[in-house]
């Protein structure tokens, strides 16, 4: 007779351990921060590290640079060319509207089309569009004329060294905020 209660007790204890383990696991999953979020202690306050913050871009026309931020943390800056007199780059708050590898270029005056990948294409291999009036577009792109970077030389676009625009292309996505200031 003493063995039946022992078996029952063992079985009950095993059930309690399983229930306790499941309950503990559930509490861990509910209370633990998500794997993609990391926290740091700063002056007794818990703050989210910038690695989990969204990317955003700030173009500073007077400095001829675009700055890549993750949240409020500056990640990198790149030299750029901006719009020349009469074709100034617009200022304001924008967002990335489209992104294209090997974009086709349409000449703004003649309508001539130069296919993506062509050495004659003035856009290079990457396009990151952030402004349009429905007809014309302004965006980041490479250039076959690297000597123009750092100058007011474009029709409003942001020209970059080809390696830089490729790097930027890999960091941003449609919807990334773009702020343009003087």
N, C-alpha and C. Protein backbone atom coordinates (compact mmCIF):
# COMPACT_ATOMS: atom_id res chain seq x y z
N UNK A 1 0.79 -1.19 0.00
CA UNK A 1 0.00 0.00 0.00
C UNK A 1 0.84 1.26 0.00
N UNK A 2 1.94 1.20 0.60
CA UNK A 2 2.78 2.38 0.66
C UNK A 2 3.35 2.75 -0.70
N UNK A 3 3.41 1.80 -1.66
CA UNK A 3 3.98 2.10 -2.96
C UNK A 3 3.04 2.91 -3.83
N UNK A 4 1.75 2.70 -3.76
CA UNK A 4 0.82 3.45 -4.60
C UNK A 4 0.87 4.94 -4.30
N UNK A 5 0.80 5.35 -3.05
CA UNK A 5 0.94 6.77 -2.79
C UNK A 5 2.28 7.31 -3.25
N UNK A 6 3.35 6.52 -3.14
CA UNK A 6 4.66 6.95 -3.61
C UNK A 6 4.64 7.22 -5.12
N UNK A 7 4.06 6.33 -5.87
CA UNK A 7 3.97 6.51 -7.33
C UNK A 7 3.12 7.74 -7.62
N UNK A 8 2.04 7.85 -6.93
CA UNK A 8 1.18 9.00 -7.11
C UNK A 8 1.90 10.29 -6.71
N UNK A 9 2.65 10.23 -5.64
CA UNK A 9 3.40 11.39 -5.19
C UNK A 9 4.47 11.75 -6.22
N UNK A 10 5.18 10.75 -6.74
CA UNK A 10 6.19 10.99 -7.77
C UNK A 10 5.54 11.62 -8.99
N UNK A 11 4.46 11.07 -9.42
CA UNK A 11 3.76 11.58 -10.57
C UNK A 11 3.27 13.01 -10.33
N UNK A 12 2.75 13.27 -9.13
CA UNK A 12 2.30 14.62 -8.78
C UNK A 12 3.47 15.58 -8.75
N UNK A 13 4.59 15.16 -8.14
CA UNK A 13 5.78 16.02 -8.09
C UNK A 13 6.30 16.30 -9.49
N UNK A 14 6.32 15.31 -10.36
CA UNK A 14 6.77 15.52 -11.74
C UNK A 14 5.86 16.51 -12.45
N UNK A 15 4.56 16.43 -12.22
CA UNK A 15 3.61 17.37 -12.83
C UNK A 15 3.84 18.79 -12.31
N UNK A 16 4.10 18.89 -11.01
CA UNK A 16 4.36 20.21 -10.42
C UNK A 16 5.62 20.81 -11.01
N UNK A 17 6.67 19.99 -11.18
CA UNK A 17 7.92 20.48 -11.76
C UNK A 17 7.69 20.93 -13.20
N UNK A 18 6.94 20.15 -13.97
CA UNK A 18 6.65 20.51 -15.36
C UNK A 18 5.85 21.80 -15.40
N UNK A 19 4.82 21.92 -14.56
CA UNK A 19 4.01 23.13 -14.52
C UNK A 19 4.84 24.31 -14.08
N UNK A 20 5.68 24.11 -13.05
CA UNK A 20 6.55 25.20 -12.58
C UNK A 20 7.52 25.61 -13.67
N UNK A 21 8.08 24.65 -14.40
CA UNK A 21 9.03 24.97 -15.47
C UNK A 21 8.33 25.73 -16.59
N UNK A 22 7.14 25.29 -16.95
CA UNK A 22 6.38 25.98 -18.00
C UNK A 22 6.02 27.39 -17.55
N UNK A 23 5.60 27.51 -16.29
CA UNK A 23 5.25 28.82 -15.75
C UNK A 23 6.46 29.74 -15.71
N UNK A 24 7.61 29.21 -15.28
CA UNK A 24 8.85 30.00 -15.24
C UNK A 24 9.24 30.43 -16.64
N UNK A 25 9.17 29.52 -17.60
CA UNK A 25 9.50 29.85 -18.98
C UNK A 25 8.57 30.92 -19.51
N UNK A 26 7.28 30.80 -19.22
CA UNK A 26 6.32 31.79 -19.68
C UNK A 26 6.63 33.16 -19.07
N UNK A 27 6.95 33.19 -17.77
CA UNK A 27 7.31 34.46 -17.13
C UNK A 27 8.57 35.06 -17.75
N UNK A 28 9.53 34.22 -18.07
CA UNK A 28 10.76 34.72 -18.70
C UNK A 28 10.43 35.33 -20.06
N UNK A 29 9.61 34.64 -20.85
CA UNK A 29 9.27 35.16 -22.17
C UNK A 29 8.46 36.45 -22.08
N UNK A 30 7.56 36.54 -21.11
CA UNK A 30 6.72 37.73 -20.98
C UNK A 30 7.52 38.91 -20.46
N UNK A 31 8.38 38.67 -19.46
CA UNK A 31 9.08 39.77 -18.80
C UNK A 31 10.38 40.18 -19.47
N UNK A 32 10.97 39.32 -20.26
CA UNK A 32 12.26 39.63 -20.87
C UNK A 32 12.08 40.59 -22.03
N UNK A 33 13.04 41.52 -22.22
CA UNK A 33 12.97 42.39 -23.39
C UNK A 33 13.17 41.56 -24.65
N UNK A 34 12.68 42.06 -25.77
CA UNK A 34 12.84 41.32 -27.01
C UNK A 34 14.31 41.19 -27.35
N UNK A 35 14.63 40.16 -28.09
CA UNK A 35 16.02 39.88 -28.44
C UNK A 35 16.64 41.04 -29.22
N UNK A 36 15.84 41.73 -30.03
CA UNK A 36 16.38 42.81 -30.86
C UNK A 36 16.58 44.11 -30.08
N UNK A 37 16.19 44.13 -28.81
CA UNK A 37 16.34 45.35 -28.02
C UNK A 37 17.43 45.14 -26.98
N UNK A 38 18.33 46.09 -26.86
CA UNK A 38 19.33 46.02 -25.81
C UNK A 38 19.26 47.30 -25.00
N UNK A 39 19.59 47.19 -23.73
CA UNK A 39 19.48 48.33 -22.83
C UNK A 39 20.83 48.61 -22.18
N UNK A 40 21.03 49.86 -21.81
CA UNK A 40 22.22 50.22 -21.06
C UNK A 40 21.81 51.11 -19.91
N UNK A 41 22.61 51.12 -18.89
CA UNK A 41 22.35 51.97 -17.74
C UNK A 41 23.15 53.25 -17.89
N UNK A 42 22.48 54.39 -17.88
CA UNK A 42 23.13 55.69 -17.96
C UNK A 42 22.57 56.55 -16.84
N UNK A 43 23.40 56.94 -15.93
CA UNK A 43 23.00 57.78 -14.81
C UNK A 43 21.75 57.26 -14.13
N UNK A 44 21.70 55.93 -13.90
CA UNK A 44 20.57 55.35 -13.19
C UNK A 44 19.31 55.20 -14.02
N UNK A 45 19.35 55.57 -15.29
CA UNK A 45 18.18 55.46 -16.16
C UNK A 45 18.42 54.37 -17.20
N UNK A 46 17.40 53.66 -17.54
CA UNK A 46 17.51 52.65 -18.58
C UNK A 46 17.22 53.32 -19.92
N UNK A 47 18.15 53.23 -20.86
CA UNK A 47 17.96 53.83 -22.18
C UNK A 47 18.20 52.80 -23.26
N UNK A 48 17.50 52.89 -24.34
CA UNK A 48 17.67 51.97 -25.46
C UNK A 48 18.92 52.38 -26.23
N UNK A 49 19.79 51.41 -26.53
CA UNK A 49 20.99 51.69 -27.32
C UNK A 49 20.60 52.12 -28.72
N UNK A 50 21.42 52.94 -29.34
CA UNK A 50 21.10 53.48 -30.65
C UNK A 50 21.06 52.43 -31.75
N UNK A 51 21.66 51.26 -31.53
CA UNK A 51 21.69 50.25 -32.58
C UNK A 51 20.28 49.83 -33.01
N UNK A 52 19.30 50.01 -32.15
CA UNK A 52 17.94 49.62 -32.48
C UNK A 52 17.09 50.79 -32.96
N UNK A 53 17.67 51.94 -33.09
CA UNK A 53 16.93 53.12 -33.52
C UNK A 53 16.90 53.16 -35.05
N UNK A 54 15.90 53.83 -35.62
CA UNK A 54 15.80 53.90 -37.09
C UNK A 54 16.87 54.81 -37.69
N UNK A 55 17.20 54.52 -38.93
CA UNK A 55 18.14 55.33 -39.71
C UNK A 55 17.43 56.60 -40.17
N UNK A 56 18.14 57.72 -40.21
CA UNK A 56 17.62 58.94 -40.81
C UNK A 56 18.79 59.71 -41.40
N UNK A 57 18.49 60.60 -42.33
CA UNK A 57 19.52 61.34 -43.06
C UNK A 57 19.32 62.83 -42.89
N UNK A 58 20.44 63.56 -42.79
CA UNK A 58 20.39 65.02 -42.73
C UNK A 58 21.38 65.55 -43.77
N UNK A 59 20.87 66.31 -44.72
CA UNK A 59 21.71 66.94 -45.73
C UNK A 59 21.95 68.37 -45.27
N UNK A 60 23.22 68.74 -45.13
CA UNK A 60 23.59 70.10 -44.76
C UNK A 60 24.21 70.73 -46.01
N UNK A 61 23.41 71.53 -46.70
CA UNK A 61 23.82 72.10 -47.99
C UNK A 61 25.08 72.95 -47.86
N UNK A 62 25.15 73.80 -46.84
CA UNK A 62 26.29 74.71 -46.68
C UNK A 62 27.59 73.96 -46.44
N UNK A 63 27.50 72.77 -45.89
CA UNK A 63 28.71 71.97 -45.62
C UNK A 63 28.96 70.93 -46.70
N UNK A 64 28.03 70.85 -47.65
CA UNK A 64 28.14 69.87 -48.74
C UNK A 64 28.36 68.45 -48.19
N UNK A 65 27.46 68.08 -47.28
CA UNK A 65 27.56 66.73 -46.72
C UNK A 65 26.18 66.18 -46.36
N UNK A 66 26.09 64.86 -46.39
CA UNK A 66 24.92 64.16 -45.87
C UNK A 66 25.41 63.36 -44.68
N UNK A 67 24.62 63.41 -43.60
CA UNK A 67 24.98 62.71 -42.37
C UNK A 67 23.98 61.59 -42.15
N UNK A 68 24.51 60.41 -41.92
CA UNK A 68 23.71 59.22 -41.62
C UNK A 68 23.62 59.08 -40.11
N UNK A 69 22.39 59.05 -39.60
CA UNK A 69 22.15 58.90 -38.17
C UNK A 69 21.42 57.60 -37.91
N UNK A 70 21.66 57.01 -36.76
CA UNK A 70 20.84 55.94 -36.22
C UNK A 70 20.25 56.52 -34.95
N UNK A 71 18.94 56.85 -35.02
CA UNK A 71 18.33 57.63 -33.93
C UNK A 71 18.98 59.00 -33.92
N UNK A 72 19.55 59.40 -32.79
CA UNK A 72 20.24 60.69 -32.69
C UNK A 72 21.75 60.54 -32.76
N UNK A 73 22.22 59.31 -32.97
CA UNK A 73 23.66 59.04 -33.01
C UNK A 73 24.19 59.15 -34.43
N UNK A 74 25.18 60.02 -34.62
CA UNK A 74 25.81 60.18 -35.93
C UNK A 74 26.65 58.94 -36.23
N UNK A 75 26.37 58.33 -37.37
CA UNK A 75 27.09 57.13 -37.77
C UNK A 75 28.22 57.48 -38.74
N UNK A 76 27.90 58.30 -39.74
CA UNK A 76 28.89 58.61 -40.77
C UNK A 76 28.42 59.82 -41.57
N UNK A 77 29.37 60.56 -42.13
CA UNK A 77 29.00 61.64 -43.05
C UNK A 77 29.72 61.41 -44.38
N UNK A 78 29.09 61.90 -45.43
CA UNK A 78 29.61 61.72 -46.79
C UNK A 78 29.66 63.07 -47.49
N UNK A 79 30.69 63.34 -48.27
CA UNK A 79 30.71 64.56 -49.09
C UNK A 79 29.71 64.42 -50.24
N UNK A 80 29.13 65.56 -50.63
CA UNK A 80 28.12 65.54 -51.70
C UNK A 80 28.28 66.76 -52.61
N UNK A 81 27.68 66.68 -53.78
CA UNK A 81 27.45 67.84 -54.64
C UNK A 81 25.97 68.16 -54.50
N UNK A 82 25.62 69.43 -54.61
CA UNK A 82 24.24 69.87 -54.47
C UNK A 82 23.80 70.62 -55.73
N UNK A 83 22.57 71.08 -55.72
CA UNK A 83 22.04 71.82 -56.87
C UNK A 83 22.76 73.14 -57.10
N UNK A 84 23.00 73.41 -58.36
CA UNK A 84 23.68 74.67 -58.74
C UNK A 84 22.67 75.82 -58.77
N UNK A 85 23.14 77.06 -58.87
CA UNK A 85 22.21 78.21 -58.92
C UNK A 85 21.17 78.04 -60.03
N UNK A 86 19.93 78.29 -59.67
CA UNK A 86 18.82 78.08 -60.60
C UNK A 86 18.23 76.68 -60.51
N UNK A 87 18.97 75.76 -59.91
CA UNK A 87 18.53 74.37 -59.74
C UNK A 87 18.80 73.93 -58.29
N UNK A 88 18.52 74.79 -57.34
CA UNK A 88 18.86 74.53 -55.95
C UNK A 88 18.15 73.28 -55.41
N UNK A 89 18.85 72.58 -54.56
CA UNK A 89 18.27 71.44 -53.85
C UNK A 89 17.23 71.98 -52.87
N UNK A 90 16.00 71.46 -52.88
CA UNK A 90 14.97 71.97 -51.97
C UNK A 90 15.29 71.64 -50.51
N UNK A 91 14.92 72.55 -49.61
CA UNK A 91 15.08 72.30 -48.18
C UNK A 91 13.75 71.84 -47.61
N UNK A 92 13.81 71.16 -46.49
CA UNK A 92 12.60 70.71 -45.81
C UNK A 92 12.73 69.29 -45.32
N UNK A 93 11.59 68.73 -44.92
CA UNK A 93 11.52 67.36 -44.42
C UNK A 93 10.92 66.46 -45.49
N UNK A 94 11.63 65.42 -45.81
CA UNK A 94 11.23 64.49 -46.86
C UNK A 94 11.41 63.07 -46.36
N UNK A 95 11.19 62.12 -47.24
CA UNK A 95 11.50 60.72 -46.94
C UNK A 95 11.87 60.03 -48.24
N UNK A 96 12.61 58.94 -48.12
CA UNK A 96 12.99 58.17 -49.30
C UNK A 96 11.70 57.63 -49.92
N UNK A 97 11.51 57.93 -51.21
CA UNK A 97 10.30 57.52 -51.93
C UNK A 97 10.53 56.30 -52.81
N UNK A 98 11.74 56.21 -53.37
CA UNK A 98 12.05 55.05 -54.20
C UNK A 98 13.55 54.82 -54.25
N UNK A 99 13.91 53.58 -54.54
CA UNK A 99 15.32 53.18 -54.61
C UNK A 99 15.48 52.25 -55.81
N UNK A 100 16.51 52.51 -56.62
CA UNK A 100 16.70 51.72 -57.82
C UNK A 100 18.18 51.45 -58.05
N UNK A 101 18.50 50.21 -58.39
CA UNK A 101 19.84 49.87 -58.85
C UNK A 101 19.83 50.01 -60.37
N UNK A 102 20.92 50.53 -60.92
CA UNK A 102 21.05 50.75 -62.36
C UNK A 102 19.87 51.54 -62.94
N UNK A 103 19.64 52.74 -62.40
CA UNK A 103 18.49 53.54 -62.87
C UNK A 103 18.69 54.06 -64.29
N UNK A 104 17.60 54.17 -65.01
CA UNK A 104 17.61 54.82 -66.32
C UNK A 104 17.54 56.32 -66.09
N UNK A 105 18.30 57.09 -66.86
CA UNK A 105 18.29 58.55 -66.73
C UNK A 105 17.57 59.15 -67.92
N UNK A 106 16.66 60.08 -67.63
CA UNK A 106 15.98 60.83 -68.68
C UNK A 106 16.51 62.25 -68.66
N UNK A 107 17.02 62.72 -69.78
CA UNK A 107 17.55 64.07 -69.87
C UNK A 107 16.41 65.06 -69.62
N UNK A 108 16.61 66.04 -68.69
CA UNK A 108 15.50 66.94 -68.33
C UNK A 108 15.05 67.87 -69.46
N UNK A 109 15.89 68.06 -70.48
CA UNK A 109 15.53 68.98 -71.56
C UNK A 109 15.15 68.26 -72.84
N UNK A 110 15.90 67.22 -73.20
CA UNK A 110 15.65 66.55 -74.48
C UNK A 110 14.79 65.30 -74.34
N UNK A 111 14.68 64.76 -73.13
CA UNK A 111 13.93 63.53 -72.94
C UNK A 111 14.71 62.28 -73.33
N UNK A 112 15.96 62.47 -73.76
CA UNK A 112 16.80 61.33 -74.14
C UNK A 112 16.90 60.37 -72.95
N UNK A 113 16.84 59.08 -73.23
CA UNK A 113 16.91 58.05 -72.20
C UNK A 113 18.25 57.34 -72.27
N UNK A 114 18.94 57.27 -71.14
CA UNK A 114 20.20 56.54 -71.07
C UNK A 114 19.99 55.39 -70.09
N UNK A 115 20.13 54.16 -70.56
CA UNK A 115 19.83 53.01 -69.71
C UNK A 115 20.78 52.88 -68.52
N UNK A 116 20.25 52.23 -67.46
CA UNK A 116 21.07 51.95 -66.30
C UNK A 116 22.24 51.05 -66.66
N UNK A 117 23.37 51.28 -66.02
CA UNK A 117 24.56 50.50 -66.29
C UNK A 117 25.42 51.05 -67.41
N UNK A 118 24.88 51.99 -68.21
CA UNK A 118 25.65 52.59 -69.29
C UNK A 118 26.70 53.54 -68.71
N UNK A 119 27.92 53.53 -69.24
CA UNK A 119 28.94 54.46 -68.75
C UNK A 119 28.56 55.93 -69.00
N UNK A 120 27.60 56.17 -69.91
CA UNK A 120 27.14 57.53 -70.19
C UNK A 120 26.06 58.00 -69.21
N UNK A 121 25.56 57.08 -68.37
CA UNK A 121 24.48 57.42 -67.44
C UNK A 121 25.03 58.27 -66.29
N UNK A 122 24.56 59.51 -66.13
CA UNK A 122 25.09 60.39 -65.10
C UNK A 122 24.63 60.04 -63.67
N UNK A 123 23.74 59.06 -63.54
CA UNK A 123 23.25 58.69 -62.21
C UNK A 123 24.10 57.62 -61.53
N UNK A 124 25.01 57.02 -62.26
CA UNK A 124 25.77 55.93 -61.68
C UNK A 124 24.89 54.69 -61.54
N UNK A 125 25.21 53.86 -60.55
CA UNK A 125 24.52 52.57 -60.41
C UNK A 125 23.42 52.55 -59.34
N UNK A 126 23.30 53.66 -58.58
CA UNK A 126 22.31 53.67 -57.49
C UNK A 126 21.54 54.98 -57.47
N UNK A 127 20.25 54.87 -57.20
CA UNK A 127 19.35 56.02 -57.09
C UNK A 127 18.53 55.88 -55.82
N UNK A 128 18.48 56.97 -55.03
CA UNK A 128 17.65 57.03 -53.82
C UNK A 128 16.83 58.31 -53.94
N UNK A 129 15.61 58.22 -54.45
CA UNK A 129 14.76 59.40 -54.67
C UNK A 129 14.03 59.83 -53.42
N UNK A 130 14.02 61.16 -53.14
CA UNK A 130 13.34 61.65 -51.94
C UNK A 130 12.43 62.86 -52.18
N UNK A 131 12.39 63.39 -53.41
CA UNK A 131 11.53 64.54 -53.70
C UNK A 131 11.03 64.41 -55.13
N UNK A 132 9.77 64.79 -55.34
CA UNK A 132 9.23 64.87 -56.70
C UNK A 132 8.10 65.89 -56.72
N UNK A 133 7.94 66.51 -57.89
CA UNK A 133 6.79 67.39 -58.09
C UNK A 133 5.79 66.70 -59.01
N UNK A 134 6.00 65.42 -59.22
CA UNK A 134 5.13 64.64 -60.11
C UNK A 134 5.73 64.46 -61.48
N UNK A 135 6.65 65.33 -61.85
CA UNK A 135 7.32 65.24 -63.14
C UNK A 135 8.82 65.03 -62.96
N UNK A 136 9.41 65.90 -62.17
CA UNK A 136 10.86 65.84 -61.90
C UNK A 136 11.13 65.17 -60.56
N UNK A 137 12.32 64.62 -60.47
CA UNK A 137 12.74 63.92 -59.24
C UNK A 137 14.06 64.49 -58.75
N UNK A 138 14.26 64.41 -57.43
CA UNK A 138 15.54 64.73 -56.82
C UNK A 138 15.88 63.58 -55.88
N UNK A 139 17.14 63.20 -55.92
CA UNK A 139 17.58 62.10 -55.06
C UNK A 139 19.09 62.03 -54.98
N UNK A 140 19.55 61.04 -54.27
CA UNK A 140 20.97 60.73 -54.16
C UNK A 140 21.34 59.83 -55.32
N UNK A 141 22.50 60.04 -55.88
CA UNK A 141 22.98 59.14 -56.93
C UNK A 141 24.49 59.27 -57.06
N UNK A 142 25.08 58.30 -57.73
CA UNK A 142 26.51 58.35 -58.02
C UNK A 142 26.76 59.32 -59.16
N UNK A 143 28.01 59.36 -59.59
CA UNK A 143 28.36 60.26 -60.69
C UNK A 143 29.59 59.75 -61.43
N UNK A 144 29.61 59.92 -62.76
CA UNK A 144 30.83 59.62 -63.50
C UNK A 144 31.83 60.79 -63.42
N UNK A 145 31.41 61.89 -62.75
CA UNK A 145 32.27 63.08 -62.59
C UNK A 145 32.57 63.30 -61.11
N UNK A 146 33.47 62.50 -60.52
CA UNK A 146 33.73 62.62 -59.09
C UNK A 146 34.28 63.98 -58.68
N UNK A 147 34.85 64.72 -59.63
CA UNK A 147 35.37 66.06 -59.31
C UNK A 147 34.26 67.05 -58.98
N UNK A 148 33.00 66.70 -59.30
CA UNK A 148 31.88 67.60 -58.98
C UNK A 148 31.44 67.49 -57.52
N UNK A 149 31.81 66.42 -56.83
CA UNK A 149 31.44 66.25 -55.43
C UNK A 149 32.10 67.36 -54.61
N UNK A 150 31.30 67.99 -53.75
CA UNK A 150 31.78 69.12 -52.96
C UNK A 150 31.40 70.46 -53.55
N UNK A 151 30.75 70.43 -54.71
CA UNK A 151 30.38 71.67 -55.41
C UNK A 151 28.86 71.77 -55.59
N UNK A 152 28.41 72.96 -55.97
CA UNK A 152 27.02 73.15 -56.39
C UNK A 152 27.02 72.92 -57.90
N UNK A 153 26.69 71.68 -58.32
CA UNK A 153 26.90 71.31 -59.71
C UNK A 153 25.74 70.58 -60.38
N UNK A 154 24.74 70.17 -59.60
CA UNK A 154 23.70 69.30 -60.17
C UNK A 154 22.43 70.09 -60.52
N UNK A 155 21.44 69.35 -61.02
CA UNK A 155 20.11 69.92 -61.28
C UNK A 155 19.23 69.73 -60.04
N UNK A 156 19.81 69.86 -58.86
CA UNK A 156 19.08 69.72 -57.60
C UNK A 156 19.36 68.43 -56.86
N UNK A 157 19.90 67.45 -57.56
CA UNK A 157 20.17 66.16 -56.94
C UNK A 157 21.39 66.21 -56.01
N UNK A 158 21.53 65.16 -55.24
CA UNK A 158 22.66 64.98 -54.34
C UNK A 158 23.59 63.97 -55.00
N UNK A 159 24.68 64.48 -55.57
CA UNK A 159 25.68 63.60 -56.18
C UNK A 159 26.64 63.11 -55.11
N UNK A 160 27.00 61.86 -55.24
CA UNK A 160 27.93 61.26 -54.28
C UNK A 160 28.97 60.43 -55.03
N UNK A 161 30.09 60.18 -54.36
CA UNK A 161 31.05 59.23 -54.91
C UNK A 161 30.31 57.89 -55.03
N UNK A 162 30.60 57.15 -56.09
CA UNK A 162 29.89 55.91 -56.36
C UNK A 162 29.95 54.93 -55.19
N UNK A 163 31.11 54.79 -54.56
CA UNK A 163 31.23 53.86 -53.43
C UNK A 163 30.39 54.34 -52.24
N UNK A 164 30.27 55.66 -52.06
CA UNK A 164 29.49 56.21 -50.95
C UNK A 164 27.99 56.01 -51.14
N UNK A 165 27.49 56.25 -52.35
CA UNK A 165 26.06 56.08 -52.58
C UNK A 165 25.68 54.60 -52.50
N UNK A 166 26.58 53.72 -52.89
CA UNK A 166 26.32 52.28 -52.75
C UNK A 166 26.21 51.93 -51.26
N UNK A 167 27.11 52.45 -50.45
CA UNK A 167 27.07 52.20 -49.01
C UNK A 167 25.78 52.76 -48.40
N UNK A 168 25.41 53.96 -48.81
CA UNK A 168 24.18 54.58 -48.30
C UNK A 168 22.96 53.77 -48.73
N UNK A 169 22.95 53.31 -49.96
CA UNK A 169 21.85 52.51 -50.52
C UNK A 169 21.60 51.27 -49.65
N UNK A 170 22.66 50.70 -49.13
CA UNK A 170 22.55 49.49 -48.32
C UNK A 170 22.06 49.78 -46.90
N UNK A 171 22.08 51.06 -46.49
CA UNK A 171 21.68 51.44 -45.13
C UNK A 171 20.24 51.93 -45.02
N UNK A 172 19.71 52.52 -46.10
CA UNK A 172 18.39 53.15 -46.03
C UNK A 172 17.33 52.27 -46.69
N UNK A 173 16.09 52.68 -46.54
CA UNK A 173 14.98 51.98 -47.19
C UNK A 173 13.90 53.01 -47.51
N UNK A 174 12.92 52.60 -48.30
CA UNK A 174 11.80 53.48 -48.60
C UNK A 174 11.16 53.87 -47.26
N UNK A 175 10.92 55.17 -47.08
CA UNK A 175 10.36 55.69 -45.84
C UNK A 175 11.39 56.30 -44.91
N UNK A 176 12.69 56.10 -45.16
CA UNK A 176 13.72 56.69 -44.32
C UNK A 176 13.59 58.21 -44.38
N UNK A 177 13.53 58.88 -43.21
CA UNK A 177 13.43 60.35 -43.20
C UNK A 177 14.69 61.02 -43.77
N UNK A 178 14.48 62.10 -44.53
CA UNK A 178 15.56 62.91 -45.10
C UNK A 178 15.25 64.37 -44.77
N UNK A 179 16.13 65.00 -44.02
CA UNK A 179 15.98 66.43 -43.70
C UNK A 179 17.04 67.18 -44.48
N UNK A 180 16.63 68.24 -45.16
CA UNK A 180 17.56 69.07 -45.92
C UNK A 180 17.55 70.47 -45.32
N UNK A 181 18.73 70.91 -44.86
CA UNK A 181 18.87 72.24 -44.25
C UNK A 181 19.98 73.00 -44.97
N UNK A 182 19.92 74.35 -44.83
CA UNK A 182 20.98 75.18 -45.41
C UNK A 182 22.26 74.92 -44.67
